[in-house]
Protein backbone atom coordinates (compact mmCIF):
# COMPACT_ATOMS: atom_id res chain seq x y z
CA MET A 1 71.66 27.32 -83.44
CA LYS A 2 71.31 23.97 -85.19
CA ASN A 3 73.47 22.32 -82.57
CA LEU A 4 71.35 23.86 -79.76
CA LYS A 5 68.12 22.44 -81.21
CA THR A 6 69.75 19.07 -81.63
CA ASN A 7 70.84 19.07 -77.94
CA LEU A 8 67.33 20.03 -76.65
CA LYS A 9 65.52 17.07 -78.21
CA PRO A 10 66.83 14.47 -75.74
CA VAL A 11 65.79 16.70 -72.83
CA ALA A 12 62.24 17.10 -74.21
CA TYR A 13 61.90 13.36 -74.70
CA ALA A 14 63.03 12.77 -71.11
CA LEU A 15 60.50 15.20 -69.68
CA LEU A 16 57.71 13.65 -71.74
CA ALA A 17 58.58 10.23 -70.39
CA VAL A 18 58.45 11.50 -66.80
CA PHE A 19 54.95 12.95 -67.31
CA VAL A 20 53.67 9.78 -68.94
CA ILE A 21 55.01 7.53 -66.16
CA GLY A 22 53.65 9.88 -63.43
CA GLY A 23 50.21 9.94 -65.03
CA ALA A 24 50.16 6.20 -65.26
CA GLY A 25 51.09 5.91 -61.58
CA MET A 26 48.34 8.29 -60.64
CA ALA A 27 45.88 6.32 -62.75
CA PHE A 28 46.70 3.03 -61.01
CA TYR A 29 46.94 4.35 -57.40
CA PRO A 30 43.18 4.63 -56.53
CA SER A 31 42.60 1.04 -57.60
CA ALA A 32 45.40 -0.17 -55.37
CA THR A 33 44.02 1.77 -52.34
CA GLN A 34 40.51 0.35 -52.84
CA ALA A 35 41.91 -3.14 -52.99
CA ALA A 36 43.81 -2.62 -49.75
CA ASP A 37 40.66 -1.35 -48.02
CA ASP A 38 38.67 -4.33 -49.28
CA LYS A 39 41.32 -6.71 -48.03
CA LYS A 40 41.36 -4.95 -44.64
CA ALA A 41 37.58 -5.19 -44.41
CA GLU A 42 37.76 -8.92 -45.16
CA THR A 43 40.30 -9.48 -42.41
CA ALA A 44 38.54 -7.20 -39.74
CA LYS A 45 37.76 -9.10 -36.54
CA PRO A 46 34.53 -8.69 -34.55
CA ALA A 47 34.86 -6.70 -31.33
CA LEU A 48 32.67 -9.12 -29.42
CA THR A 49 30.77 -12.37 -29.71
CA VAL A 50 27.14 -11.78 -28.76
CA THR A 51 23.72 -13.38 -28.71
CA THR A 52 20.56 -11.71 -29.97
CA THR A 53 16.83 -12.04 -29.62
CA LYS A 54 13.67 -10.38 -30.86
CA PRO A 55 11.24 -8.48 -28.64
CA SER A 56 8.37 -10.63 -27.46
CA ALA A 57 4.76 -9.73 -26.71
CA ALA A 58 3.40 -10.23 -23.19
CA ARG A 59 0.48 -9.32 -20.96
CA LEU A 60 1.82 -7.19 -18.14
CA PRO A 61 -0.04 -6.01 -15.05
CA ILE A 62 -0.96 -2.35 -14.77
CA LYS A 63 -0.07 -1.01 -11.34
CA LEU A 64 -0.40 2.36 -9.64
CA ALA A 65 2.16 3.08 -6.92
CA ALA A 66 1.22 5.12 -3.86
CA ASN A 67 2.36 5.89 -0.33
CA GLY A 68 0.40 6.39 2.85
CA ASN A 69 -0.05 5.63 6.53
CA VAL A 70 -1.52 2.62 8.27
CA ALA A 71 -4.32 3.47 10.69
CA ALA A 72 -7.02 1.76 12.71
CA TRP A 73 -10.20 1.01 10.79
CA GLN A 74 -12.15 2.37 13.77
CA GLU A 75 -10.81 3.29 17.19
CA ALA A 76 -13.16 2.97 20.20
CA SER A 77 -12.85 5.07 23.34
CA VAL A 78 -13.52 3.19 26.57
CA SER A 79 -14.53 5.61 29.32
CA SER A 80 -15.67 5.50 32.94
CA GLU A 81 -19.39 5.83 33.60
CA SER A 82 -19.08 5.87 37.38
CA ASN A 83 -19.13 9.05 39.42
CA GLY A 84 -16.45 9.56 42.05
CA LEU A 85 -15.58 5.90 42.58
CA ARG A 86 -12.08 4.61 43.24
CA LEU A 87 -10.44 2.31 40.69
CA THR A 88 -9.45 -0.94 42.40
CA GLU A 89 -8.36 -3.23 39.56
CA VAL A 90 -7.01 -2.92 36.00
CA ARG A 91 -7.10 -6.19 34.05
CA VAL A 92 -5.66 -5.25 30.64
CA ASN A 93 -2.73 -3.40 29.20
CA VAL A 94 -1.68 -2.02 25.83
CA GLY A 95 -1.50 -4.71 23.16
CA ASP A 96 -3.92 -7.13 24.83
CA VAL A 97 -6.54 -8.73 22.63
CA VAL A 98 -10.01 -8.61 24.18
CA LYS A 99 -13.49 -9.79 23.28
CA ALA A 100 -16.75 -7.88 23.55
CA GLY A 101 -17.95 -7.96 27.17
CA ASP A 102 -14.56 -8.70 28.74
CA VAL A 103 -13.95 -6.81 32.00
CA LEU A 104 -11.17 -4.25 31.55
CA ALA A 105 -11.22 -2.49 34.93
CA VAL A 106 -13.15 -2.61 38.24
CA PHE A 107 -14.18 0.30 40.51
CA SER A 108 -14.96 0.06 44.22
CA ALA A 109 -18.60 -0.98 44.68
CA ASP A 110 -19.03 -0.60 48.47
CA THR A 111 -20.97 2.66 48.33
CA VAL A 112 -23.07 1.48 45.42
CA ASN A 113 -23.94 -1.80 47.13
CA ALA A 114 -25.25 0.16 50.14
CA ASP A 115 -27.37 2.32 47.86
CA VAL A 116 -28.73 -0.78 46.13
CA ALA A 117 -29.72 -2.29 49.45
CA GLN A 118 -31.48 0.92 50.45
CA ALA A 119 -33.33 1.01 47.14
CA LYS A 120 -34.47 -2.60 47.61
CA ALA A 121 -35.86 -1.73 51.08
CA ALA A 122 -37.73 1.20 49.59
CA VAL A 123 -39.34 -1.10 47.06
CA GLN A 124 -40.45 -3.50 49.78
CA GLU A 125 -41.92 -0.64 51.83
CA ALA A 126 -43.81 0.67 48.83
CA GLU A 127 -45.17 -2.75 48.06
CA ALA A 128 -46.42 -3.18 51.67
CA ASN A 129 -48.15 0.20 51.61
CA ALA A 130 -49.63 -0.62 48.26
CA ALA A 131 -51.04 -3.91 49.53
CA ASP A 132 -52.94 -2.07 52.31
CA ALA A 133 -54.20 0.56 49.90
CA VAL A 134 -55.40 -2.10 47.47
CA ALA A 135 -57.34 -3.91 50.23
CA ASN A 136 -59.03 -0.69 51.41
CA ALA A 137 -60.00 0.20 47.87
CA ALA A 138 -61.44 -3.27 47.32
CA ARG A 139 -63.65 -3.03 50.43
CA ALA A 140 -64.84 0.43 49.44
CA ARG A 141 -65.96 -0.85 46.08
CA THR A 142 -68.05 -3.60 47.71
CA LEU A 143 -69.90 -0.99 49.79
CA GLN A 144 -70.39 1.42 46.95
CA ASN A 145 -74.02 0.44 46.29
CA THR A 146 -75.05 0.13 49.96
CA GLY A 147 -74.67 3.80 50.80
CA ALA A 148 -72.46 3.04 53.81
CA LEU A 149 -69.71 5.17 52.31
CA SER A 150 -69.99 8.40 50.49
CA ALA A 151 -68.69 8.79 46.97
CA GLN A 152 -65.91 11.03 48.28
CA GLN A 153 -64.62 8.35 50.64
CA ILE A 154 -64.70 5.71 47.95
CA SER A 155 -62.72 8.07 45.67
CA GLN A 156 -60.12 8.61 48.40
CA TYR A 157 -59.54 4.86 48.77
CA THR A 158 -59.14 4.31 45.04
CA THR A 159 -56.78 7.30 44.79
CA ALA A 160 -54.68 5.93 47.65
CA GLU A 161 -54.49 2.62 45.78
CA GLN A 162 -53.19 4.29 42.62
CA THR A 163 -50.71 6.40 44.61
CA ALA A 164 -49.34 3.29 46.33
CA ASN A 165 -48.86 1.55 42.99
CA ALA A 166 -47.06 4.64 41.63
CA ARG A 167 -44.75 4.64 44.65
CA ILE A 168 -43.88 1.00 43.90
CA ALA A 169 -42.94 1.95 40.35
CA SER A 170 -40.84 4.88 41.61
CA ALA A 171 -39.05 2.68 44.13
CA LYS A 172 -38.31 0.08 41.46
CA ALA A 173 -36.94 2.76 39.14
CA ALA A 174 -34.63 3.99 41.93
CA LEU A 175 -33.51 0.40 42.46
CA ALA A 176 -32.80 0.01 38.74
CA SER A 177 -30.74 3.21 38.81
CA GLN A 178 -28.63 1.94 41.68
CA GLN A 179 -28.19 -1.44 40.00
CA LEU A 180 -27.04 0.38 36.87
CA ARG A 181 -24.47 2.24 38.97
CA LEU A 182 -23.33 -1.12 40.29
CA LYS A 183 -22.96 -2.36 36.71
CA TYR A 184 -20.85 0.69 35.84
CA THR A 185 -18.31 -0.30 38.45
CA ARG A 186 -17.11 -2.90 35.97
CA VAL A 187 -15.70 -1.39 32.74
CA VAL A 188 -16.24 -3.84 29.87
CA ALA A 189 -15.03 -3.90 26.25
CA PRO A 190 -17.68 -2.51 23.87
CA ASP A 191 -16.36 -4.68 21.02
CA SER A 192 -13.66 -7.20 20.23
CA GLY A 193 -10.30 -5.73 19.39
CA VAL A 194 -6.83 -4.74 20.57
CA ILE A 195 -6.08 -2.28 23.36
CA SER A 196 -4.08 0.47 21.66
CA ALA A 197 -3.72 3.01 24.50
CA ARG A 198 -4.13 3.33 28.28
CA THR A 199 -4.46 6.72 29.93
CA ASN A 200 -3.12 7.84 33.30
CA ASN A 201 -6.65 7.65 34.69
CA ALA A 202 -6.52 3.88 34.26
CA SER A 203 -4.37 3.47 37.38
CA VAL A 204 -5.29 1.67 40.58
CA GLY A 205 -6.48 4.19 43.19
CA ALA A 206 -7.51 6.85 40.70
CA VAL A 207 -10.91 8.52 41.22
CA SER A 208 -12.51 9.42 37.90
CA GLY A 209 -15.61 11.31 36.92
CA PRO A 210 -18.15 10.12 34.38
CA GLY A 211 -16.89 10.29 30.79
CA THR A 212 -13.19 10.04 31.72
CA GLU A 213 -11.33 8.05 29.07
CA LEU A 214 -9.47 5.00 30.37
CA PHE A 215 -8.52 3.00 27.26
CA ARG A 216 -8.52 3.18 23.49
CA MET A 217 -8.94 0.09 21.38
CA ILE A 218 -8.74 -0.86 17.69
CA ARG A 219 -12.11 -2.33 16.89
CA GLN A 220 -11.93 -5.95 15.71
CA GLY A 221 -8.18 -5.49 15.30
CA ARG A 222 -8.77 -4.20 11.77
CA LEU A 223 -6.25 -1.90 10.12
CA GLU A 224 -6.48 0.09 6.93
CA TRP A 225 -3.97 1.68 4.58
CA ARG A 226 -4.74 5.31 3.80
CA ALA A 227 -2.99 5.82 0.49
CA GLU A 228 -2.43 9.29 -0.95
CA VAL A 229 -3.34 9.31 -4.65
CA VAL A 230 -3.15 12.35 -6.93
CA ALA A 231 -6.42 13.54 -8.39
CA ALA A 232 -5.47 12.57 -11.95
CA ASP A 233 -5.19 8.87 -10.98
CA LEU A 234 -8.44 8.64 -9.01
CA ARG A 235 -10.42 7.78 -12.15
CA ASN A 236 -8.53 4.47 -12.37
CA LEU A 237 -9.63 3.36 -8.90
CA LYS A 238 -12.95 2.06 -7.63
CA THR A 239 -14.33 0.22 -4.63
CA GLY A 240 -13.04 -3.36 -4.56
CA THR A 241 -9.80 -2.68 -6.46
CA GLY A 242 -6.99 -4.87 -5.16
CA ALA A 243 -3.83 -3.45 -3.65
CA VAL A 244 -0.53 -4.95 -2.49
CA VAL A 245 0.79 -3.10 0.56
CA LYS A 246 4.40 -3.41 1.69
CA ALA A 247 5.37 -3.01 5.34
CA ALA A 248 8.58 -1.50 6.69
CA ASN A 249 10.09 -4.97 7.22
CA GLY A 250 9.40 -5.97 3.61
CA SER A 251 6.31 -8.08 4.28
CA GLU A 252 3.49 -7.74 1.78
CA VAL A 253 -0.25 -8.25 2.19
CA THR A 254 -3.15 -7.92 -0.22
CA GLY A 255 -6.09 -5.66 0.55
CA LYS A 256 -9.07 -4.09 -1.21
CA VAL A 257 -10.22 -0.52 -1.63
CA ARG A 258 -13.08 0.15 0.79
CA MET A 259 -13.69 3.80 0.06
CA ILE A 260 -12.29 6.77 -1.84
CA ALA A 261 -12.39 10.09 -0.01
CA PRO A 262 -15.00 12.48 -1.46
CA THR A 263 -12.64 15.46 -1.21
CA VAL A 264 -9.16 16.32 -2.48
CA ASP A 265 -6.64 18.15 -0.33
CA ALA A 266 -6.27 21.70 -1.63
CA GLN A 267 -2.54 21.83 -0.81
CA THR A 268 -1.29 18.46 -2.08
CA ARG A 269 -3.97 17.89 -4.75
CA SER A 270 -4.28 14.30 -3.57
CA ALA A 271 -7.07 12.27 -2.01
CA LEU A 272 -7.07 9.46 0.55
CA VAL A 273 -7.94 5.98 -0.64
CA TYR A 274 -8.92 3.64 2.20
CA VAL A 275 -7.71 0.07 1.74
CA ASP A 276 -8.88 -2.65 4.13
CA LEU A 277 -6.04 -4.91 5.29
CA PRO A 278 -6.58 -8.57 6.27
CA ALA A 279 -7.00 -9.45 9.94
CA SER A 280 -3.57 -11.11 10.03
CA ALA A 281 -1.91 -7.78 9.19
CA GLY A 282 -3.03 -6.22 12.47
CA ALA A 283 -2.45 -9.26 14.68
CA LYS A 284 -0.19 -9.01 17.72
CA ASP A 285 2.77 -10.39 15.75
CA GLY A 286 1.61 -8.97 12.42
CA PRO A 287 3.85 -6.86 10.16
CA PHE A 288 1.67 -3.73 10.33
CA LYS A 289 1.11 -1.34 13.21
CA ALA A 290 -1.21 1.64 13.35
CA GLY A 291 0.68 4.82 12.56
CA MET A 292 3.45 3.30 10.44
CA PHE A 293 4.30 4.41 6.90
CA ALA A 294 3.72 1.93 4.07
CA SER A 295 4.05 1.86 0.30
CA GLY A 296 1.95 -0.15 -2.06
CA GLN A 297 0.58 -0.68 -5.55
CA PHE A 298 -2.96 -0.81 -6.83
CA GLU A 299 -3.69 -3.60 -9.32
CA LEU A 300 -5.53 -2.08 -12.29
CA GLY A 301 -5.56 -5.07 -14.66
CA THR A 302 -3.27 -6.04 -17.55
CA SER A 303 -2.32 -4.74 -21.00
CA ASP A 304 -0.27 -5.83 -24.03
CA ALA A 305 3.41 -4.92 -23.99
CA MET A 306 6.64 -5.50 -25.93
CA THR A 307 9.41 -6.84 -23.70
CA VAL A 308 13.12 -7.57 -23.97
CA PRO A 309 15.45 -9.34 -21.53
CA GLN A 310 16.77 -7.15 -18.75
CA GLN A 311 20.32 -7.92 -19.91
CA ALA A 312 19.59 -6.19 -23.24
CA ILE A 313 19.02 -2.80 -21.57
CA VAL A 314 22.18 -0.70 -21.17
CA VAL A 315 22.05 2.40 -18.99
CA ARG A 316 24.50 5.15 -19.90
CA ASP A 317 24.49 8.80 -18.81
CA GLY A 318 21.11 8.32 -17.19
CA PHE A 319 19.43 7.00 -20.35
CA SER A 320 18.49 3.49 -21.45
CA PHE A 321 19.70 1.98 -24.72
CA VAL A 322 19.59 -1.27 -26.67
CA PHE A 323 21.87 -2.39 -29.50
CA ARG A 324 20.26 -3.43 -32.79
CA LEU A 325 22.11 -5.95 -34.94
CA ASN A 326 22.19 -4.82 -38.58
CA ALA A 327 22.54 -6.97 -41.67
CA ASP A 328 26.25 -6.09 -41.99
CA GLN A 329 26.85 -7.48 -38.46
CA HIS A 330 27.41 -4.00 -37.08
CA VAL A 331 25.33 -2.73 -34.17
CA SER A 332 23.39 0.49 -33.81
CA GLN A 333 22.72 2.07 -30.43
CA ILE A 334 19.01 2.92 -29.99
CA LYS A 335 17.60 4.99 -27.14
CA VAL A 336 14.51 3.41 -25.55
CA GLN A 337 12.18 4.14 -22.67
CA PRO A 338 11.81 1.23 -20.23
CA GLY A 339 8.43 0.55 -18.66
CA ARG A 340 7.07 -2.19 -16.45
CA ARG A 341 9.12 -5.11 -15.23
CA LEU A 342 8.06 -8.75 -15.12
CA GLY A 343 10.68 -11.14 -13.77
CA ASP A 344 13.83 -10.73 -15.88
CA ARG A 345 12.05 -8.95 -18.74
CA ILE A 346 11.44 -5.21 -19.16
CA GLU A 347 8.81 -3.47 -21.22
CA VAL A 348 10.07 -1.18 -24.01
CA LEU A 349 7.69 1.71 -24.71
CA GLY A 350 9.11 2.73 -28.09
CA GLY A 351 11.96 2.62 -30.60
CA LEU A 352 11.74 -1.08 -31.52
CA THR A 353 9.66 -3.27 -33.81
CA ALA A 354 8.73 -6.91 -33.34
CA ASP A 355 11.34 -8.12 -35.90
CA THR A 356 14.29 -6.11 -34.55
CA GLN A 357 17.33 -8.21 -33.61
CA VAL A 358 18.45 -6.95 -30.20
CA VAL A 359 21.80 -7.84 -28.62
CA VAL A 360 21.36 -9.61 -25.27
CA ARG A 361 24.60 -11.11 -24.00
CA GLY A 362 27.51 -8.70 -24.33
CA ALA A 363 25.37 -5.58 -24.79
CA GLY A 364 27.06 -3.81 -21.90
CA PHE A 365 30.48 -3.95 -23.65
CA LEU A 366 29.41 -2.51 -27.03
CA ASN A 367 29.61 0.90 -28.62
CA ASP A 368 27.63 2.28 -31.52
CA GLY A 369 28.90 0.87 -34.82
CA ASP A 370 30.90 -2.07 -33.41
CA LEU A 371 31.31 -5.19 -35.54
CA VAL A 372 30.11 -8.29 -33.67
CA HIS A 373 29.85 -12.02 -34.17
CA ASN A 374 26.37 -13.37 -33.48
CA VAL A 375 26.03 -16.92 -32.16
CA ALA A 376 23.12 -19.00 -30.97
CA GLU A 377 22.17 -18.88 -27.29
CA THR A 378 22.98 -22.58 -26.90
CA ALA A 379 26.62 -22.14 -27.90
CA PRO A 380 29.29 -23.22 -25.38
CA ALA A 381 30.27 -20.63 -22.84
CA ASP A 382 33.87 -20.39 -24.09
CA LYS A 383 32.66 -19.15 -27.48
CA LEU A 384 30.61 -16.45 -25.81
CA ALA A 385 33.57 -14.95 -23.93
CA PRO A 386 34.08 -11.29 -24.91
CA LYS A 387 36.98 -10.67 -27.26
CA LEU A 388 37.90 -7.41 -25.63
CA ALA A 389 41.68 -7.43 -25.98
CA PRO A 390 41.88 -5.75 -29.43
CA LYS A 391 39.21 -3.27 -28.41
CA LEU A 392 40.93 -2.30 -25.15
CA ALA A 393 44.27 -2.05 -26.93
CA ALA A 394 42.75 0.32 -29.46
CA LYS A 395 41.46 2.49 -26.62
């Protein structure tokens, strides 16, 4: 037994040494790992070299977008006032610009001229009869106090005089009526404007009744944009508000609100806003034509806004983001809501403060948490080149 105890002592000492050395190794291991991580952090390379900026304040215009149709300000109907006359001449066609009083069409005047001549003869006959009646009445008045004529005879002469004068007036009225018919043989423009339509009745040889439409014209060549605006936005509009209207070919003109419809459509819940367009818009070679569709924006003033460069906005999965540069040179991805646009700057409606450093150049290549190297905007272009090789290799 004594020899067995003596033999076990070296084994116990060996085991104790193993535990002591293992514990010491475990005690020193965490410190070594932390040092390795610190060294790795010191030697980490930025994923990208970027430039940054801070949001800036600006006054941006407030605009209300709308769509609608272009229509004539007022459309005049030019009709025939003659009765059963044959059309002999048509002097205008669709698209012609006319002035008030210009002759548009001519009807045959042969029958009317004969009627005018007859009416003139009737006037002359009535005047001759009236002259005789006036002379007889004058003589009767001179004999009134002599008793040569009875009161009844004198009354007859004066009545004949009045009747003759009435017949003159009637004959002159008939002459005026025939002269008016002669005037109606020439169809004239009621106002200045552009001929917008010509009916089949406006053909040489056609016989039209009174009131038959021959032409339609856009009065004064004026067009208007009838914009459809939802009821909720009507409170922002008033008479005189400016609007920029865009034609189908991209041309833009500036107009003003003339009137807002007093009723709202029960189906669409929108109202028509009438915008007067300048005269050049409806000219023969102008960009707008009656009946075409046009889009536009109403100018409602300006308001304060916080803007960032367009390059700072990154669109991913249908949402807009910016990258904020933190103090540790890492970036954080922030979701924002873009607003109005002015040149190369975009309004940000929330998520940023005025002192936030936002990545501009290189934002499209970053991910949340990336380490970057920030340089001034004036740095040479070769220093701003993206260092994407390590990042792509890691992916």
